[in-house]
């Protein structure tokens, strides 16, 4: 997962692989979402169309009801709640909810 500032908003990019489970392993997943950060350090990022390395999602795929991914930023990393985005746009069994540890210095 990466966070990139774009003016007043953040672009959140997820690239995730499935937990190894033999032939039932979920396919790799890629999602991008954009949103602003509130005073409690939560980024409410709405899924957006993109062309990525692992996946391409068009506006028509998302439709009028784009999921909003909640990214709560803390000193050691972020907690993510994907609001069903992985279920809708990634392979069966994909999950991006959870804690992501910070590995680089904030820019």
Foldseek 3Di string as FASTA:
>chain_A
DDWDDDDQKIKDKDWDWFDDDDPPGWHIDIWIFMAHADPQQKGFTWTAADDDDRDGDHCVLCDPDTWTWIWRDDPFFTFIDGRCPCVSGTGPPDDDGGTDGDDDDDD
